[in-house]
Amino acid sequence: MKKLKNEKELVKKAIEEGMRYGEQRGVVEFEPTDSANEKIEYIYRLLVHDKVIQPIPQDQISQQSMRHKIAIWASKL
């Protein structure tokens, strides 16, 4: 997995866009107390469910790989 140049900023953008995407679909309402890790996991699973992104193989799923995957998604928005 190759690290993106500005991955931190892309992860922040992915969380914002992912929250907006989920709330517009009406499937989730994020709380201010939700941690970034919870948001990342939910956004990743929602995007995979909607077939927006390819799933990571089950044995390779980690917080870092989900973070990377949604950062790639955000870079294409």
Protein backbone atom coordinates (compact mmCIF):
# COMPACT_ATOMS: atom_id res chain seq x y z
CA MET A 1 0.00 0.00 0.00
CA LYS A 2 1.62 3.22 -1.18
CA LYS A 3 1.08 6.24 1.04
CA LEU A 4 -0.56 9.21 -0.65
CA LYS A 5 1.19 12.59 -0.59
CA ASN A 6 -1.48 14.43 1.39
CA GLU A 7 -3.27 11.48 2.97
CA LYS A 8 -4.16 13.30 6.21
CA GLU A 9 -6.03 16.04 4.36
CA LEU A 10 -7.71 13.48 2.10
CA VAL A 11 -8.89 11.48 5.12
CA LYS A 12 -10.42 14.64 6.61
CA LYS A 13 -12.13 15.36 3.28
CA ALA A 14 -13.31 11.74 3.03
CA ILE A 15 -14.86 11.91 6.51
CA GLU A 16 -16.69 15.15 5.66
CA GLU A 17 -17.90 13.88 2.28
CA GLY A 18 -18.72 10.43 3.65
CA MET A 19 -20.79 11.90 6.48
CA ARG A 20 -22.65 14.08 3.98
CA TYR A 21 -23.17 11.06 1.67
CA GLY A 22 -24.55 8.87 4.47
CA GLU A 23 -26.85 11.58 5.84
CA GLN A 24 -28.19 12.46 2.38
CA ARG A 25 -29.01 8.78 1.83
CA GLY A 26 -30.82 8.83 5.16
CA VAL A 27 -29.01 5.78 6.52
CA VAL A 28 -27.02 7.39 9.33
CA GLU A 29 -26.91 10.38 11.62
CA PHE A 30 -23.46 11.00 13.05
CA GLU A 31 -23.15 12.25 16.61
CA PRO A 32 -20.50 14.74 17.79
CA THR A 33 -19.26 12.07 20.21
CA ASP A 34 -18.47 9.57 17.42
CA SER A 35 -14.74 8.98 17.11
CA ALA A 36 -12.89 9.41 13.82
CA ASN A 37 -12.20 5.65 13.75
CA GLU A 38 -15.91 4.86 14.04
CA LYS A 39 -16.74 7.31 11.26
CA ILE A 40 -14.02 5.89 9.01
CA GLU A 41 -15.22 2.33 9.50
CA TYR A 42 -18.87 3.22 8.91
CA ILE A 43 -18.09 5.29 5.80
CA TYR A 44 -15.87 2.51 4.41
CA ARG A 45 -18.56 -0.14 4.95
CA LEU A 46 -21.27 2.11 3.46
CA LEU A 47 -19.21 2.83 0.34
CA VAL A 48 -18.45 -0.88 -0.11
CA HIS A 49 -22.13 -1.76 0.40
CA ASP A 50 -23.16 0.79 -2.25
CA LYS A 51 -20.43 -0.57 -4.56
CA VAL A 52 -18.75 2.85 -4.75
CA ILE A 53 -15.35 1.38 -3.83
CA GLN A 54 -13.84 -2.10 -4.06
CA PRO A 55 -13.72 -4.00 -0.74
CA ILE A 56 -10.41 -4.82 0.89
CA PRO A 57 -9.80 -8.59 1.25
CA GLN A 58 -11.17 -9.76 4.62
CA ASP A 59 -7.78 -10.80 5.98
CA GLN A 60 -6.25 -7.38 5.19
CA ILE A 61 -8.88 -5.11 6.77
CA SER A 62 -7.41 -2.73 9.33
CA GLN A 63 -8.06 0.83 10.43
CA GLN A 64 -5.09 1.99 8.35
CA SER A 65 -6.23 0.20 5.20
CA MET A 66 -9.80 1.57 5.52
CA ARG A 67 -8.37 5.05 6.08
CA HIS A 68 -6.22 4.67 2.94
CA LYS A 69 -9.12 3.37 0.85
CA ILE A 70 -11.47 6.24 1.68
CA ALA A 71 -8.61 8.73 1.15
CA ILE A 72 -8.24 7.39 -2.40
CA TRP A 73 -12.01 7.76 -2.87
CA ALA A 74 -11.86 11.37 -1.64
CA SER A 75 -9.00 12.17 -4.01
CA LYS A 76 -11.28 11.32 -6.95
CA LEU A 77 -14.13 13.60 -5.87
